[in-house]
């Protein structure tokens, strides 16, 4: 029973951390999107300034893409953890049933 509780606790903790990370990453995405929108609207007519701001927009887009890559990696890790946790629980379940049966017999 303890193995099952530990696995369930680990799974819950991982899911909590994933949710926190997703919230943090979403806030960063939102901030970058606001920055991107602001820069896109405020591009001045001067050619030199346009080039500078275009570079900033490109950099913001690159940071945005990097955050998306981070989210995808985090999701893959979470999926791997869930698969591993399910496999662990599948291995533990027969032992738990045996223990429950023995306890019921006693």
N, C-alpha and C. Protein backbone atom coordinates (compact mmCIF):
# COMPACT_ATOMS: atom_id res chain seq x y z
N UNK A 1 0.83 -1.19 0.00
CA UNK A 1 0.00 0.00 0.00
C UNK A 1 0.88 1.25 0.00
N UNK A 2 1.99 1.19 0.71
CA UNK A 2 2.88 2.36 0.79
C UNK A 2 3.46 2.68 -0.58
N UNK A 3 3.80 1.63 -1.36
CA UNK A 3 4.34 1.86 -2.70
C UNK A 3 3.34 2.61 -3.56
N UNK A 4 2.09 2.20 -3.48
CA UNK A 4 1.03 2.85 -4.26
C UNK A 4 0.87 4.31 -3.81
N UNK A 5 0.89 4.55 -2.51
CA UNK A 5 0.75 5.91 -1.99
C UNK A 5 1.93 6.78 -2.41
N UNK A 6 3.13 6.22 -2.38
CA UNK A 6 4.32 6.97 -2.80
C UNK A 6 4.21 7.31 -4.28
N UNK A 7 3.82 6.34 -5.10
CA UNK A 7 3.68 6.58 -6.54
C UNK A 7 2.61 7.62 -6.81
N UNK A 8 1.49 7.53 -6.10
CA UNK A 8 0.41 8.50 -6.28
C UNK A 8 0.87 9.89 -5.85
N UNK A 9 1.60 9.97 -4.74
CA UNK A 9 2.12 11.26 -4.27
C UNK A 9 3.11 11.85 -5.28
N UNK A 10 4.00 11.00 -5.79
CA UNK A 10 4.98 11.46 -6.78
C UNK A 10 4.27 11.98 -8.03
N UNK A 11 3.26 11.27 -8.47
CA UNK A 11 2.51 11.67 -9.65
C UNK A 11 1.83 13.01 -9.41
N UNK A 12 1.19 13.17 -8.26
CA UNK A 12 0.53 14.43 -7.92
C UNK A 12 1.52 15.59 -7.84
N UNK A 13 2.68 15.33 -7.25
CA UNK A 13 3.70 16.37 -7.13
C UNK A 13 4.22 16.78 -8.50
N UNK A 14 4.43 15.80 -9.37
CA UNK A 14 4.90 16.10 -10.72
C UNK A 14 3.86 16.91 -11.48
N UNK A 15 2.61 16.51 -11.37
CA UNK A 15 1.55 17.24 -12.06
C UNK A 15 1.45 18.67 -11.53
N UNK A 16 1.62 18.86 -10.23
CA UNK A 16 1.57 20.21 -9.65
C UNK A 16 2.71 21.07 -10.21
N UNK A 17 3.91 20.47 -10.29
CA UNK A 17 5.05 21.22 -10.82
C UNK A 17 4.86 21.56 -12.29
N UNK A 18 4.27 20.63 -13.04
CA UNK A 18 4.01 20.88 -14.45
C UNK A 18 3.03 22.04 -14.60
N UNK A 19 1.98 22.04 -13.80
CA UNK A 19 0.99 23.12 -13.86
C UNK A 19 1.64 24.46 -13.51
N UNK A 20 2.47 24.47 -12.47
CA UNK A 20 3.17 25.71 -12.09
C UNK A 20 4.08 26.19 -13.22
N UNK A 21 4.80 25.26 -13.82
CA UNK A 21 5.71 25.62 -14.92
C UNK A 21 4.92 26.14 -16.11
N UNK A 22 3.80 25.50 -16.42
CA UNK A 22 2.98 25.95 -17.53
C UNK A 22 2.42 27.34 -17.27
N UNK A 23 2.00 27.62 -16.04
CA UNK A 23 1.49 28.95 -15.69
C UNK A 23 2.61 29.99 -15.86
N UNK A 24 3.79 29.66 -15.37
CA UNK A 24 4.93 30.58 -15.49
C UNK A 24 5.28 30.82 -16.96
N UNK A 25 5.34 29.74 -17.74
CA UNK A 25 5.66 29.87 -19.15
C UNK A 25 4.58 30.63 -19.90
N UNK A 26 3.32 30.41 -19.54
CA UNK A 26 2.24 31.14 -20.19
C UNK A 26 2.35 32.63 -19.89
N UNK A 27 2.72 32.98 -18.67
CA UNK A 27 2.92 34.39 -18.32
C UNK A 27 4.04 35.00 -19.15
N UNK A 28 5.12 34.24 -19.34
CA UNK A 28 6.23 34.73 -20.16
C UNK A 28 5.79 34.88 -21.61
N UNK A 29 5.03 33.92 -22.12
CA UNK A 29 4.51 34.01 -23.49
C UNK A 29 3.64 35.25 -23.64
N UNK A 30 2.75 35.47 -22.67
CA UNK A 30 1.87 36.63 -22.72
C UNK A 30 2.67 37.93 -22.71
N UNK A 31 3.70 37.99 -21.87
CA UNK A 31 4.53 39.20 -21.80
C UNK A 31 5.26 39.42 -23.12
N UNK A 32 5.80 38.35 -23.69
CA UNK A 32 6.48 38.47 -24.98
C UNK A 32 5.51 38.87 -26.08
N UNK A 33 4.30 38.32 -26.03
CA UNK A 33 3.31 38.67 -27.04
C UNK A 33 2.94 40.15 -26.93
N UNK A 34 2.79 40.63 -25.68
CA UNK A 34 2.50 42.06 -25.49
C UNK A 34 3.65 42.91 -26.00
N UNK A 35 4.88 42.48 -25.70
CA UNK A 35 6.06 43.21 -26.17
C UNK A 35 6.10 43.20 -27.69
N UNK A 36 5.83 42.06 -28.28
CA UNK A 36 5.81 41.92 -29.73
C UNK A 36 4.75 42.83 -30.34
N UNK A 37 3.53 42.79 -29.79
CA UNK A 37 2.44 43.64 -30.29
C UNK A 37 2.80 45.12 -30.17
N UNK A 38 3.35 45.50 -29.02
CA UNK A 38 3.73 46.90 -28.81
C UNK A 38 4.77 47.33 -29.84
N UNK A 39 5.81 46.52 -30.00
CA UNK A 39 6.87 46.88 -30.94
C UNK A 39 6.35 46.92 -32.37
N UNK A 40 5.47 46.00 -32.70
CA UNK A 40 4.93 45.97 -34.05
C UNK A 40 4.11 47.22 -34.35
N UNK A 41 3.42 47.77 -33.34
CA UNK A 41 2.60 48.97 -33.52
C UNK A 41 3.43 50.25 -33.50
N UNK A 42 4.53 50.23 -32.77
CA UNK A 42 5.30 51.45 -32.54
C UNK A 42 6.50 51.63 -33.46
N UNK A 43 6.58 50.83 -34.51
CA UNK A 43 7.73 50.94 -35.41
C UNK A 43 7.70 52.32 -36.09
N UNK A 44 8.70 53.13 -35.85
CA UNK A 44 8.71 54.47 -36.44
C UNK A 44 9.06 54.43 -37.93
N UNK A 45 8.89 55.57 -38.58
CA UNK A 45 9.12 55.66 -40.02
C UNK A 45 10.60 55.73 -40.37
N UNK A 46 11.42 56.12 -39.45
CA UNK A 46 12.85 56.24 -39.75
C UNK A 46 13.42 54.87 -40.07
N UNK A 47 14.14 54.79 -41.17
CA UNK A 47 14.67 53.50 -41.61
C UNK A 47 15.60 52.88 -40.58
N UNK A 48 16.48 53.67 -40.00
CA UNK A 48 17.43 53.13 -39.02
C UNK A 48 16.69 52.56 -37.82
N UNK A 49 15.71 53.29 -37.34
CA UNK A 49 14.93 52.82 -36.18
C UNK A 49 14.13 51.58 -36.54
N UNK A 50 13.62 51.53 -37.77
CA UNK A 50 12.86 50.35 -38.21
C UNK A 50 13.73 49.10 -38.18
N UNK A 51 14.95 49.23 -38.65
CA UNK A 51 15.85 48.08 -38.66
C UNK A 51 16.14 47.60 -37.24
N UNK A 52 16.39 48.55 -36.35
CA UNK A 52 16.67 48.20 -34.95
C UNK A 52 15.47 47.50 -34.32
N UNK A 53 14.30 48.05 -34.51
CA UNK A 53 13.11 47.45 -33.92
C UNK A 53 12.78 46.10 -34.57
N UNK A 54 13.05 45.98 -35.85
CA UNK A 54 12.82 44.69 -36.51
C UNK A 54 13.70 43.61 -35.89
N UNK A 55 14.92 43.97 -35.57
CA UNK A 55 15.81 43.02 -34.89
C UNK A 55 15.24 42.64 -33.52
N UNK A 56 14.71 43.64 -32.81
CA UNK A 56 14.12 43.35 -31.50
C UNK A 56 12.93 42.42 -31.66
N UNK A 57 12.10 42.67 -32.67
CA UNK A 57 10.93 41.82 -32.91
C UNK A 57 11.37 40.40 -33.26
N UNK A 58 12.40 40.28 -34.07
CA UNK A 58 12.92 38.96 -34.43
C UNK A 58 13.44 38.24 -33.19
N UNK A 59 14.16 38.98 -32.33
CA UNK A 59 14.66 38.39 -31.09
C UNK A 59 13.52 37.97 -30.18
N UNK A 60 12.47 38.80 -30.10
CA UNK A 60 11.31 38.43 -29.27
C UNK A 60 10.64 37.19 -29.83
N UNK A 61 10.55 37.11 -31.16
CA UNK A 61 9.98 35.91 -31.79
C UNK A 61 10.82 34.68 -31.50
N UNK A 62 12.15 34.84 -31.52
CA UNK A 62 13.04 33.72 -31.21
C UNK A 62 12.87 33.28 -29.76
N UNK A 63 12.73 34.26 -28.85
CA UNK A 63 12.51 33.90 -27.43
C UNK A 63 11.16 33.20 -27.27
N UNK A 64 10.17 33.68 -28.00
CA UNK A 64 8.84 33.07 -27.97
C UNK A 64 8.93 31.60 -28.42
N UNK A 65 9.65 31.36 -29.51
CA UNK A 65 9.82 29.99 -30.01
C UNK A 65 10.58 29.13 -29.00
N UNK A 66 11.59 29.72 -28.35
CA UNK A 66 12.36 28.97 -27.35
C UNK A 66 11.46 28.57 -26.18
N UNK A 67 10.56 29.45 -25.79
CA UNK A 67 9.63 29.13 -24.70
C UNK A 67 8.71 28.00 -25.14
N UNK A 68 8.24 28.05 -26.38
CA UNK A 68 7.38 26.97 -26.88
C UNK A 68 8.13 25.64 -26.88
N UNK A 69 9.39 25.66 -27.26
CA UNK A 69 10.21 24.44 -27.22
C UNK A 69 10.30 23.94 -25.78
N UNK A 70 10.50 24.87 -24.84
CA UNK A 70 10.56 24.49 -23.42
C UNK A 70 9.27 23.86 -22.95
N UNK A 71 8.14 24.42 -23.38
CA UNK A 71 6.83 23.86 -23.01
C UNK A 71 6.70 22.45 -23.57
N UNK A 72 7.09 22.28 -24.83
CA UNK A 72 6.99 20.95 -25.45
C UNK A 72 7.87 19.94 -24.73
N UNK A 73 9.09 20.36 -24.35
CA UNK A 73 9.97 19.45 -23.62
C UNK A 73 9.36 19.08 -22.27
N UNK A 74 8.80 20.06 -21.60
CA UNK A 74 8.17 19.83 -20.29
C UNK A 74 6.99 18.87 -20.43
N UNK A 75 6.20 19.05 -21.48
CA UNK A 75 5.06 18.16 -21.70
C UNK A 75 5.54 16.73 -21.97
N UNK A 76 6.61 16.60 -22.78
CA UNK A 76 7.14 15.26 -23.06
C UNK A 76 7.65 14.60 -21.78
N UNK A 77 8.35 15.37 -20.95
CA UNK A 77 8.85 14.81 -19.69
C UNK A 77 7.70 14.39 -18.78
N UNK A 78 6.65 15.20 -18.75
CA UNK A 78 5.49 14.87 -17.94
C UNK A 78 4.84 13.59 -18.45
N UNK A 79 4.71 13.48 -19.78
CA UNK A 79 4.12 12.27 -20.36
C UNK A 79 4.98 11.04 -20.03
N UNK A 80 6.30 11.19 -20.14
CA UNK A 80 7.19 10.08 -19.80
C UNK A 80 7.03 9.70 -18.33
N UNK A 81 6.95 10.70 -17.46
CA UNK A 81 6.77 10.43 -16.03
C UNK A 81 5.45 9.71 -15.78
N UNK A 82 4.40 10.15 -16.46
CA UNK A 82 3.09 9.51 -16.28
C UNK A 82 3.13 8.06 -16.74
N UNK A 83 3.80 7.80 -17.87
CA UNK A 83 3.93 6.43 -18.36
C UNK A 83 4.72 5.59 -17.37
N UNK A 84 5.84 6.14 -16.88
CA UNK A 84 6.65 5.41 -15.89
C UNK A 84 5.85 5.16 -14.61
N UNK A 85 5.10 6.17 -14.17
CA UNK A 85 4.29 6.01 -12.96
C UNK A 85 3.22 4.95 -13.15
N UNK A 86 2.60 4.95 -14.31
CA UNK A 86 1.56 3.95 -14.59
C UNK A 86 2.18 2.55 -14.61
N UNK A 87 3.35 2.41 -15.22
CA UNK A 87 4.04 1.13 -15.27
C UNK A 87 4.37 0.67 -13.84
N UNK A 88 4.86 1.60 -13.01
CA UNK A 88 5.20 1.29 -11.63
C UNK A 88 3.95 0.86 -10.87
N UNK A 89 2.85 1.58 -11.07
CA UNK A 89 1.61 1.23 -10.38
C UNK A 89 1.09 -0.12 -10.86
N UNK A 90 1.25 -0.41 -12.16
CA UNK A 90 0.84 -1.71 -12.69
C UNK A 90 1.65 -2.84 -12.06
N UNK A 91 2.94 -2.56 -11.79
CA UNK A 91 3.78 -3.58 -11.16
C UNK A 91 3.41 -3.76 -9.69
N UNK A 92 3.02 -2.69 -9.03
CA UNK A 92 2.72 -2.73 -7.60
C UNK A 92 1.33 -3.30 -7.34
N UNK A 93 0.39 -3.08 -8.25
CA UNK A 93 -1.00 -3.47 -8.04
C UNK A 93 -1.19 -4.95 -7.70
N UNK A 94 -0.55 -5.91 -8.43
CA UNK A 94 -0.73 -7.31 -8.06
C UNK A 94 -0.27 -7.61 -6.63
N UNK A 95 0.83 -6.99 -6.23
CA UNK A 95 1.33 -7.20 -4.86
C UNK A 95 0.33 -6.66 -3.84
N UNK A 96 -0.25 -5.52 -4.14
CA UNK A 96 -1.25 -4.94 -3.23
C UNK A 96 -2.47 -5.86 -3.13
N UNK A 97 -2.90 -6.40 -4.26
CA UNK A 97 -4.05 -7.31 -4.24
C UNK A 97 -3.74 -8.56 -3.42
N UNK A 98 -2.50 -9.05 -3.55
CA UNK A 98 -2.10 -10.23 -2.78
C UNK A 98 -2.13 -9.93 -1.29
N UNK A 99 -1.60 -8.77 -0.92
CA UNK A 99 -1.58 -8.38 0.49
C UNK A 99 -3.00 -8.22 1.01
N UNK A 100 -3.85 -7.60 0.23
CA UNK A 100 -5.25 -7.41 0.64
C UNK A 100 -5.93 -8.76 0.82
N UNK A 101 -5.67 -9.68 -0.10
CA UNK A 101 -6.25 -11.02 0.00
C UNK A 101 -5.77 -11.72 1.26
N UNK A 102 -4.46 -11.63 1.53
CA UNK A 102 -3.90 -12.27 2.73
C UNK A 102 -4.52 -11.66 3.98
N UNK A 103 -4.65 -10.34 4.00
CA UNK A 103 -5.22 -9.66 5.16
C UNK A 103 -6.68 -10.07 5.33
N UNK A 104 -7.42 -10.20 4.24
CA UNK A 104 -8.82 -10.60 4.32
C UNK A 104 -8.95 -12.02 4.85
N UNK A 105 -8.02 -12.89 4.44
CA UNK A 105 -8.04 -14.28 4.89
C UNK A 105 -7.77 -14.36 6.38
N UNK A 106 -6.86 -13.51 6.85
CA UNK A 106 -6.51 -13.53 8.27
C UNK A 106 -7.67 -13.00 9.07
